[in-house]
Amino acid sequence: MKHNISPPRRVGQWSGLVLLVLSGANPVSAQTLQQAWDIALQVDHSIKAAEEQSAAAAQQSQAARSARLPVVSVAAGYTALDNAPASRVNLGPTPSEFPISEKDSLSYQASATLPLYTSGRISRGIDAADATLQASRSQFSAQTQDLKLQVAEAYVAVLRAAEGVRVASSHVDSLKAHARDVANLYEQGMVSRNDLLSAQVALADASQAAIKAQNALDIARSAFNRLLGRPLHQAVALDELEPAAPGETLDALSERALDQRHELQALRAQISALRHQAAAVRAGAGPQLALSGGYGYQQNRYTVHEGQWSVNLGLQWQVFDGGLIRHQAAASERQATALQEQHDDLASRITLQVRQYWLDVQETRKRIEVTAKAIAQAEENLKVNRDRYENGLSTNTEVLDAETLRTRSQGNHASAIYDAVLASLRLQRAAGEL
């Protein structure tokens, strides 16, 4: 927001630079909004948490894919018995016993199992995990844009508060000059003591307003520093922002918002994940075919072959489970339906958001034009009333009213500009483009 509408603002800036040089202080380089965003995204804890959530969802997606791969396992053990296992055989009048395994024995085995057919259970599980990952990434993007808007609002709040300090200081300077003029006229006996008291009271009110404005600026800077993870008292110098020129039509923005808002994308992905999950649960009731094989060794000198290779083709089909799988799948489908309702409601609210901020952009652009003209008119009005007062053609009240109008016109113009900046940023957020 670089404009040449109000001459006192430029005077204040140059005087501030002069004081800075004379005081020997180190100037603080102005920070851009993009730089503030970059810093906030690096230090914000909610963003770090969202990143970890996305990383966790990515791991879940990889885990779902791993279900297609063979499962290889090995096991080993050593068994010690109090008595050696034996068999008793009655071959004559006296029973005979002979050992069948050793008292102490070592065993180990290695096996592999590969699912061949799962009725779609694994593939649907992978689809559900992928959709969950997409939802997590969309939620992360939405949180990123929320943080950027929060930082932008704090950034504009600092600029607005700084402009409030400048306007308040200009008001104090103007009233000081007027109070000196009134005091000189009073000493010459040209005005009443009431005029002097009125000017002094107006100056006192302006001074306390300037103190409040400075306090508001300090608070705004502290809030901005907190978002950037910096000490609250750290000096803040920010680049000015220009209101963005109105671009696309409302219909185009609304259509694009419904397509690219990350909150809607996250809900659509969650709905898809739940429906895939329901299908995976149903598939669990279908035939499950797996191939397994391996090698096992059991130490036993009484057997011919202590080690054995094996292969097995197994089929499992859960014919009846009391309705458990059917109800579990139906629960996931109902959850998906509930999220669809939330999606439709959010889409309606997003359309309203876009319309509201689009209208705000149009309104603030018009306010900027009107208030810009009012500043020059208020300056001229104050000058005329001061000249008339010095020549006895106007009252002190008229001069003070003119000064109030001048200060108000400057404040209105600054508010219009920063409202326009905020409306533009909020419109970008509503459209999912911040």
Protein backbone atom coordinates (compact mmCIF):
# COMPACT_ATOMS: atom_id res chain seq x y z
CA MET A 1 0.00 0.00 0.00
CA LYS A 2 2.23 2.77 -1.26
CA HIS A 3 0.26 5.90 -1.97
CA ASN A 4 0.94 9.64 -2.01
CA ILE A 5 -2.42 10.83 -0.82
CA SER A 6 -1.54 12.15 2.62
CA PRO A 7 1.51 14.46 2.73
CA PRO A 8 1.86 14.29 6.54
CA ARG A 9 2.50 10.56 6.27
CA ARG A 10 5.57 11.14 4.13
CA VAL A 11 6.75 13.86 6.50
CA GLY A 12 6.37 11.44 9.41
CA GLN A 13 8.34 8.77 7.59
CA TRP A 14 11.20 11.14 6.75
CA SER A 15 11.29 12.52 10.29
CA GLY A 16 11.42 8.96 11.63
CA LEU A 17 14.39 8.18 9.41
CA VAL A 18 16.17 11.34 10.53
CA LEU A 19 15.64 10.43 14.19
CA LEU A 20 16.86 6.91 13.48
CA VAL A 21 20.11 8.19 11.96
CA LEU A 22 20.67 10.76 14.69
CA SER A 23 20.12 8.21 17.44
CA GLY A 24 22.67 5.85 15.91
CA ALA A 25 20.21 2.90 16.07
CA ASN A 26 20.53 0.01 13.70
CA PRO A 27 17.65 0.04 11.20
CA VAL A 28 15.54 -3.11 11.01
CA SER A 29 15.12 -4.46 7.48
CA ALA A 30 11.50 -4.61 6.44
CA GLN A 31 10.00 -8.07 6.31
CA THR A 32 7.67 -9.19 3.53
CA LEU A 33 4.51 -11.19 4.04
CA GLN A 34 6.02 -14.14 2.16
CA GLN A 35 9.00 -14.16 4.50
CA ALA A 36 6.66 -14.11 7.49
CA TRP A 37 4.77 -17.08 6.03
CA ASP A 38 7.97 -19.04 5.48
CA ILE A 39 9.08 -18.51 9.09
CA ALA A 40 5.68 -19.33 10.59
CA LEU A 41 5.39 -22.55 8.59
CA GLN A 42 8.76 -23.68 9.94
CA VAL A 43 8.06 -23.03 13.63
CA ASP A 44 4.33 -23.63 14.06
CA HIS A 45 3.61 -26.70 16.18
CA SER A 46 0.24 -27.47 14.58
CA ILE A 47 1.90 -27.63 11.16
CA LYS A 48 4.58 -29.96 12.50
CA ALA A 49 1.86 -32.16 14.00
CA ALA A 50 0.00 -32.22 10.67
CA GLU A 51 3.22 -33.22 8.90
CA GLU A 52 3.62 -36.14 11.30
CA GLN A 53 0.01 -37.17 10.70
CA SER A 54 0.64 -37.23 6.96
CA ALA A 55 3.82 -39.23 7.49
CA ALA A 56 1.87 -41.72 9.62
CA ALA A 57 -0.79 -42.07 6.91
CA ALA A 58 1.96 -42.71 4.36
CA GLN A 59 3.30 -45.51 6.54
CA GLN A 60 -0.20 -46.99 6.80
CA SER A 61 -0.45 -46.95 3.01
CA GLN A 62 2.84 -48.82 2.73
CA ALA A 63 1.65 -51.29 5.37
CA ALA A 64 -1.49 -52.02 3.35
CA ARG A 65 0.64 -52.77 0.28
CA SER A 66 2.84 -55.07 2.30
CA ALA A 67 -0.14 -57.42 2.77
CA ARG A 68 0.40 -58.59 -0.84
CA LEU A 69 3.92 -59.81 -0.11
CA PRO A 70 4.92 -63.18 1.36
CA VAL A 71 5.20 -63.45 5.11
CA VAL A 72 8.39 -65.29 6.05
CA SER A 73 8.95 -66.44 9.62
CA VAL A 74 11.50 -68.50 11.48
CA ALA A 75 11.24 -70.11 14.89
CA ALA A 76 13.51 -72.20 17.12
CA GLY A 77 13.27 -73.83 20.49
CA TYR A 78 14.85 -76.23 22.90
CA THR A 79 12.69 -78.64 24.89
CA ALA A 80 13.69 -80.38 28.13
CA LEU A 81 11.36 -83.03 29.59
CA ASP A 82 11.48 -84.84 32.94
CA ASN A 83 10.99 -88.17 31.20
CA ALA A 84 11.67 -89.29 27.67
CA PRO A 85 8.41 -89.87 25.74
CA ALA A 86 7.75 -93.57 25.22
CA SER A 87 5.08 -95.91 23.89
CA ARG A 88 3.78 -99.09 25.53
CA VAL A 89 2.92 -102.09 23.41
CA ASN A 90 1.31 -105.30 24.62
CA LEU A 91 2.94 -107.98 22.47
CA GLY A 92 2.86 -110.76 25.04
CA PRO A 93 2.23 -111.42 28.66
CA THR A 94 4.57 -108.57 29.61
CA PRO A 95 3.98 -105.06 28.19
CA SER A 96 6.93 -103.55 26.35
CA GLU A 97 7.98 -99.90 26.28
CA PHE A 98 10.16 -98.15 23.73
CA PRO A 99 11.09 -94.45 23.39
CA ILE A 100 9.60 -92.38 20.62
CA SER A 101 11.58 -89.14 21.12
CA GLU A 102 14.47 -87.76 23.06
CA LYS A 103 14.20 -86.29 26.53
CA ASP A 104 15.93 -83.07 25.45
CA SER A 105 15.57 -81.87 21.89
CA LEU A 106 16.23 -78.94 19.59
CA SER A 107 13.73 -77.78 16.98
CA TYR A 108 13.55 -75.03 14.40
CA GLN A 109 11.46 -74.16 11.37
CA ALA A 110 11.16 -71.63 8.57
CA SER A 111 7.93 -70.95 6.71
CA ALA A 112 6.54 -68.60 4.06
CA THR A 113 2.91 -67.73 3.32
CA LEU A 114 1.72 -65.95 0.18
CA PRO A 115 -1.89 -64.81 -0.28
CA LEU A 116 -3.10 -65.86 -3.74
CA TYR A 117 -6.70 -64.69 -3.67
CA THR A 118 -8.51 -62.63 -1.00
CA SER A 119 -11.78 -61.70 -2.77
CA GLY A 120 -10.47 -58.11 -3.05
CA ARG A 121 -9.79 -57.67 0.67
CA ILE A 122 -6.17 -56.60 0.22
CA SER A 123 -6.74 -54.38 -2.84
CA ARG A 124 -9.64 -52.59 -1.18
CA GLY A 125 -7.55 -52.15 1.96
CA ILE A 126 -4.85 -50.51 -0.15
CA ASP A 127 -7.42 -48.20 -1.74
CA ALA A 128 -8.72 -47.22 1.70
CA ALA A 129 -5.20 -46.49 2.97
CA ASP A 130 -4.40 -44.39 -0.12
CA ALA A 131 -7.59 -42.38 0.30
CA THR A 132 -6.77 -41.83 3.97
CA LEU A 133 -3.32 -40.60 2.96
CA GLN A 134 -4.87 -38.18 0.47
CA ALA A 135 -7.25 -36.91 3.15
CA SER A 136 -4.34 -36.35 5.52
CA ARG A 137 -2.41 -34.40 2.90
CA SER A 138 -5.45 -32.26 2.11
CA GLN A 139 -5.95 -31.52 5.80
CA PHE A 140 -2.30 -30.52 6.03
CA SER A 141 -2.74 -28.11 3.10
CA ALA A 142 -5.86 -26.65 4.70
CA GLN A 143 -4.01 -26.10 7.99
CA THR A 144 -1.18 -24.46 6.09
CA GLN A 145 -3.57 -22.00 4.47
CA ASP A 146 -5.28 -21.32 7.79
CA LEU A 147 -1.93 -20.47 9.36
CA LYS A 148 -0.98 -18.25 6.43
CA LEU A 149 -4.24 -16.33 6.79
CA GLN A 150 -3.68 -16.00 10.54
CA VAL A 151 -0.19 -14.61 9.94
CA ALA A 152 -1.51 -12.29 7.24
CA GLU A 153 -4.17 -10.93 9.60
CA ALA A 154 -1.54 -10.32 12.28
CA TYR A 155 0.72 -8.70 9.66
CA VAL A 156 -2.08 -6.34 8.58
CA ALA A 157 -2.94 -5.65 12.22
CA VAL A 158 0.61 -4.37 12.76
CA LEU A 159 0.40 -2.16 9.67
CA ARG A 160 -3.00 -0.85 10.73
CA ALA A 161 -1.79 -0.14 14.27
CA ALA A 162 1.33 1.60 12.94
CA GLU A 163 -0.84 3.79 10.74
CA GLY A 164 -3.04 4.50 13.77
CA VAL A 165 0.06 5.73 15.64
CA ARG A 166 1.00 7.95 12.70
CA VAL A 167 -2.49 9.44 12.48
CA ALA A 168 -2.63 9.97 16.25
CA SER A 169 0.80 11.62 16.23
CA SER A 170 -0.25 13.86 13.35
CA HIS A 171 -3.34 14.81 15.33
CA VAL A 172 -1.23 15.67 18.39
CA ASP A 173 1.21 17.76 16.31
CA SER A 174 -1.61 19.67 14.67
CA LEU A 175 -3.31 20.41 18.00
CA LYS A 176 0.01 21.49 19.53
CA ALA A 177 0.44 24.02 16.76
CA HIS A 178 -3.12 25.22 17.22
CA ALA A 179 -2.71 25.46 21.00
CA ARG A 180 0.41 27.63 20.50
CA ASP A 181 -1.49 29.90 18.13
CA VAL A 182 -4.38 30.21 20.58
CA ALA A 183 -1.96 30.94 23.44
CA ASN A 184 -0.33 33.73 21.41
CA LEU A 185 -3.70 35.22 20.55
CA TYR A 186 -4.77 34.97 24.18
CA GLU A 187 -1.66 36.81 25.35
CA GLN A 188 -2.50 39.54 22.88
CA GLY A 189 -6.02 39.72 24.28
CA MET A 190 -7.57 38.71 20.97
CA VAL A 191 -9.34 35.53 22.21
CA SER A 192 -10.98 34.44 25.42
CA ARG A 193 -9.51 32.09 28.01
CA ASN A 194 -12.21 29.59 27.08
CA ASP A 195 -10.60 29.17 23.65
CA LEU A 196 -7.24 28.45 25.26
CA LEU A 197 -8.72 25.91 27.66
CA SER A 198 -10.61 24.18 24.84
CA ALA A 199 -7.45 23.88 22.78
CA GLN A 200 -5.49 22.50 25.73
CA VAL A 201 -8.21 19.95 26.58
CA ALA A 202 -8.37 18.82 22.95
CA LEU A 203 -4.58 18.41 22.98
CA ALA A 204 -4.73 16.33 26.16
CA ASP A 205 -7.40 14.06 24.65
CA ALA A 206 -5.31 13.62 21.52
CA SER A 207 -2.24 12.79 23.61
CA GLN A 208 -4.01 10.04 25.52
CA ALA A 209 -5.38 8.69 22.24
CA ALA A 210 -1.80 8.58 20.91
CA ILE A 211 -0.74 6.62 24.00
CA LYS A 212 -3.51 4.09 23.40
CA ALA A 213 -2.53 3.82 19.73
CA GLN A 214 1.08 3.09 20.67
CA ASN A 215 -0.06 0.42 23.13
CA ALA A 216 -2.22 -1.17 20.43
CA LEU A 217 0.82 -1.23 18.13
CA ASP A 218 2.96 -2.93 20.77
CA ILE A 219 0.27 -5.57 21.32
CA ALA A 220 -0.09 -6.17 17.57
CA ARG A 221 3.68 -6.59 17.20
CA SER A 222 3.77 -9.05 20.11
CA ALA A 223 0.98 -11.13 18.57
CA PHE A 224 2.81 -11.14 15.23
CA ASN A 225 6.09 -12.18 16.87
CA ARG A 226 4.36 -15.05 18.69
CA LEU A 227 3.15 -16.54 15.41
CA LEU A 228 6.71 -16.43 14.09
CA GLY A 229 8.15 -18.04 17.21
CA ARG A 230 10.17 -14.95 18.14
CA PRO A 231 10.56 -13.03 21.41
CA LEU A 232 7.47 -10.90 21.92
CA HIS A 233 9.53 -7.73 22.34
CA GLN A 234 11.52 -8.17 19.12
CA ALA A 235 11.49 -5.17 16.79
CA VAL A 236 9.10 -5.47 13.85
CA ALA A 237 9.43 -3.71 10.49
CA LEU A 238 7.06 -4.75 7.72
CA ASP A 239 6.67 -3.99 4.05
CA GLU A 240 3.47 -2.26 3.08
CA LEU A 241 0.80 -4.27 1.27
CA GLU A 242 -1.15 -3.21 -1.79
CA PRO A 243 -4.83 -4.15 -2.12
CA ALA A 244 -5.10 -6.69 -4.92
CA ALA A 245 -6.98 -5.53 -7.98
CA PRO A 246 -10.36 -7.25 -8.44
CA GLY A 247 -9.96 -10.03 -10.96
CA GLU A 248 -12.30 -12.89 -11.75
CA THR A 249 -16.05 -12.99 -11.54
CA LEU A 250 -17.87 -14.28 -8.50
CA ASP A 251 -19.16 -17.35 -10.36
CA ALA A 252 -15.66 -18.33 -11.52
CA LEU A 253 -14.23 -17.96 -8.02
CA SER A 254 -17.08 -19.94 -6.46
CA GLU A 255 -16.69 -22.77 -8.95
CA ARG A 256 -12.95 -22.95 -8.41
CA ALA A 257 -13.34 -22.85 -4.63
CA LEU A 258 -15.65 -25.88 -4.67
CA ASP A 259 -13.10 -27.73 -6.77
CA GLN A 260 -9.87 -26.89 -4.96
CA ARG A 261 -10.69 -26.16 -1.32
CA HIS A 262 -8.60 -28.63 0.62
CA GLU A 263 -11.26 -29.12 3.29
CA LEU A 264 -13.66 -30.46 0.65
CA GLN A 265 -10.93 -32.60 -0.88
CA ALA A 266 -10.19 -34.08 2.54
CA LEU A 267 -13.85 -34.96 3.12
CA ARG A 268 -14.14 -36.52 -0.33
CA ALA A 269 -11.05 -38.62 0.36
CA GLN A 270 -12.39 -39.69 3.77
CA ILE A 271 -15.69 -40.72 2.17
CA SER A 272 -13.80 -42.79 -0.40
CA ALA A 273 -11.66 -44.37 2.33
CA LEU A 274 -14.72 -45.45 4.32
CA ARG A 275 -16.39 -46.98 1.28
CA HIS A 276 -13.25 -48.89 0.36
CA GLN A 277 -12.99 -49.99 3.97
CA ALA A 278 -16.56 -51.31 3.86
CA ALA A 279 -15.76 -53.25 0.69
CA ALA A 280 -12.61 -54.69 2.31
CA VAL A 281 -14.63 -55.86 5.31
CA ARG A 282 -17.18 -57.56 3.03
CA ALA A 283 -14.36 -59.21 1.11
CA GLY A 284 -13.22 -60.81 4.35
CA ALA A 285 -16.26 -63.08 4.16
CA GLY A 286 -15.26 -64.35 0.71
CA PRO A 287 -12.88 -67.17 -0.17
CA GLN A 288 -9.29 -66.64 1.02
CA LEU A 289 -6.71 -68.71 -0.83
CA ALA A 290 -3.07 -68.83 0.33
CA LEU A 291 0.03 -70.85 -0.49
CA SER A 292 2.42 -71.73 2.30
CA GLY A 293 5.49 -73.85 2.66
CA GLY A 294 8.68 -74.27 4.60
CA TYR A 295 11.14 -76.51 6.35
CA GLY A 296 10.94 -77.89 9.86
CA TYR A 297 13.50 -79.76 11.95
CA GLN A 298 12.82 -81.69 15.16
CA GLN A 299 15.79 -83.34 16.84
CA ASN A 300 14.81 -86.97 17.42
CA ARG A 301 17.13 -89.89 16.78
CA TYR A 302 14.20 -92.28 16.90
CA THR A 303 12.68 -90.96 13.71
CA VAL A 304 13.85 -91.65 10.19
CA HIS A 305 13.66 -88.02 9.00
CA GLU A 306 14.30 -85.31 11.55
CA GLY A 307 13.83 -82.53 8.94
CA GLN A 308 10.80 -82.15 6.64
CA TRP A 309 9.96 -79.90 3.74
CA SER A 310 6.28 -79.01 3.29
CA VAL A 311 3.95 -77.12 0.97
CA ASN A 312 0.28 -76.30 1.54
CA LEU A 313 -2.45 -74.75 -0.57
CA GLY A 314 -5.11 -73.59 1.84
CA LEU A 315 -8.65 -72.27 1.30
CA GLN A 316 -10.70 -70.54 3.97
CA TRP A 317 -14.29 -69.41 3.47
CA GLN A 318 -16.27 -67.94 6.33
CA VAL A 319 -19.79 -69.05 5.48
CA PHE A 320 -21.63 -67.69 8.53
CA ASP A 321 -20.56 -65.24 11.23
CA GLY A 322 -23.86 -64.18 12.73
CA GLY A 323 -23.96 -60.99 10.63
CA LEU A 324 -20.76 -59.51 12.11
CA ILE A 325 -19.11 -58.59 8.80
CA ARG A 326 -22.36 -57.30 7.32
CA HIS A 327 -22.93 -54.92 10.24
CA GLN A 328 -19.33 -53.73 10.28
CA ALA A 329 -19.50 -52.90 6.57
CA ALA A 330 -22.84 -51.14 7.03
CA ALA A 331 -21.37 -49.03 9.85
CA SER A 332 -18.58 -47.80 7.55
CA GLU A 333 -21.14 -47.01 4.83
CA ARG A 334 -23.22 -44.98 7.28
CA GLN A 335 -20.12 -43.05 8.35
CA ALA A 336 -19.42 -42.29 4.70
CA THR A 337 -22.98 -41.02 4.27
CA ALA A 338 -22.60 -38.79 7.33
CA LEU A 339 -19.39 -37.31 5.89
CA GLN A 340 -21.17 -36.69 2.59
CA GLU A 341 -23.73 -34.56 4.43
CA GLN A 342 -20.90 -32.63 6.10
CA HIS A 343 -19.29 -32.16 2.70
CA ASP A 344 -22.46 -30.71 1.19
CA ASP A 345 -22.94 -28.37 4.15
CA LEU A 346 -19.34 -27.17 3.96
CA ALA A 347 -19.66 -26.60 0.22
CA SER A 348 -22.64 -24.33 0.87
CA ARG A 349 -20.73 -22.37 3.54
CA ILE A 350 -17.70 -22.02 1.27
CA THR A 351 -19.89 -20.58 -1.48
CA LEU A 352 -21.20 -18.03 1.02
CA GLN A 353 -17.64 -17.22 2.15
CA VAL A 354 -16.50 -16.55 -1.37
CA ARG A 355 -19.49 -14.31 -2.03
CA GLN A 356 -19.00 -12.38 1.22
CA TYR A 357 -15.31 -11.69 0.67
CA TRP A 358 -15.82 -10.91 -3.01
CA LEU A 359 -18.40 -8.28 -2.04
CA ASP A 360 -16.03 -6.98 0.65
CA VAL A 361 -13.35 -6.48 -2.01
CA GLN A 362 -15.76 -4.47 -4.15
CA GLU A 363 -16.89 -2.39 -1.16
CA THR A 364 -13.41 -1.56 0.10
CA ARG A 365 -12.19 -0.53 -3.36
CA LYS A 366 -14.99 2.05 -3.50
CA ARG A 367 -14.24 3.22 0.04
CA ILE A 368 -10.60 3.81 -0.87
CA GLU A 369 -11.60 6.15 -3.69
CA VAL A 370 -14.06 8.07 -1.54
CA THR A 371 -11.80 8.43 1.50
CA ALA A 372 -8.82 9.48 -0.64
CA LYS A 373 -10.77 12.49 -1.86
CA ALA A 374 -11.98 13.25 1.66
CA ILE A 375 -8.39 13.62 2.96
CA ALA A 376 -7.55 16.46 0.59
CA GLN A 377 -10.89 18.12 1.33
CA ALA A 378 -10.36 17.80 5.09
CA GLU A 379 -6.85 19.30 4.83
CA GLU A 380 -8.20 22.26 2.90
CA ASN A 381 -11.10 22.68 5.32
CA LEU A 382 -8.69 22.83 8.28
CA LYS A 383 -6.47 25.36 6.56
CA VAL A 384 -9.42 27.62 5.75
CA ASN A 385 -10.79 27.46 9.28
CA ARG A 386 -7.41 28.28 10.82
CA ASP A 387 -6.99 31.30 8.57
CA ARG A 388 -10.49 32.47 9.40
CA TYR A 389 -9.87 31.96 13.14
CA GLU A 390 -6.66 33.98 13.06
CA ASN A 391 -8.59 36.79 11.38
CA GLY A 392 -11.47 36.60 13.83
CA LEU A 393 -13.90 35.18 11.28
CA SER A 394 -14.24 31.69 12.78
CA THR A 395 -14.53 30.13 16.22
CA ASN A 396 -12.13 27.85 18.05
CA THR A 397 -14.78 25.11 17.97
CA GLU A 398 -14.86 25.21 14.18
CA VAL A 399 -11.08 24.80 14.04
CA LEU A 400 -11.19 21.84 16.44
CA ASP A 401 -14.03 20.27 14.46
CA ALA A 402 -12.05 20.68 11.25
CA GLU A 403 -9.03 19.02 12.85
CA THR A 404 -11.22 16.15 14.03
CA LEU A 405 -12.57 15.73 10.50
CA ARG A 406 -9.03 15.69 9.10
CA THR A 407 -7.93 13.01 11.55
CA ARG A 408 -11.06 10.98 10.93
CA SER A 409 -10.59 11.16 7.15
CA GLN A 410 -7.04 9.86 7.47
CA GLY A 411 -8.18 7.04 9.75
CA ASN A 412 -11.06 6.16 7.41
CA HIS A 413 -8.71 6.03 4.44
CA ALA A 414 -6.25 3.77 6.25
CA SER A 415 -9.09 1.51 7.39
CA ALA A 416 -10.40 1.27 3.84
CA ILE A 417 -6.97 0.28 2.52
CA TYR A 418 -6.25 -2.35 5.16
CA ASP A 419 -9.82 -3.67 4.97
CA ALA A 420 -9.27 -4.06 1.22
CA VAL A 421 -6.00 -5.92 1.82
CA LEU A 422 -7.68 -8.26 4.30
CA ALA A 423 -10.69 -8.82 2.06
CA SER A 424 -8.39 -9.80 -0.80
CA LEU A 425 -6.41 -12.23 1.39
CA ARG A 426 -9.58 -13.76 2.82
CA LEU A 427 -11.02 -14.14 -0.65
CA GLN A 428 -7.90 -16.03 -1.70
CA ARG A 429 -8.26 -18.28 1.35
CA ALA A 430 -11.95 -18.87 0.62
CA ALA A 431 -11.04 -19.89 -2.94
CA GLY A 432 -8.26 -22.18 -1.65
CA GLU A 433 -5.51 -20.15 -3.31
CA LEU A 434 -3.67 -18.47 -0.42
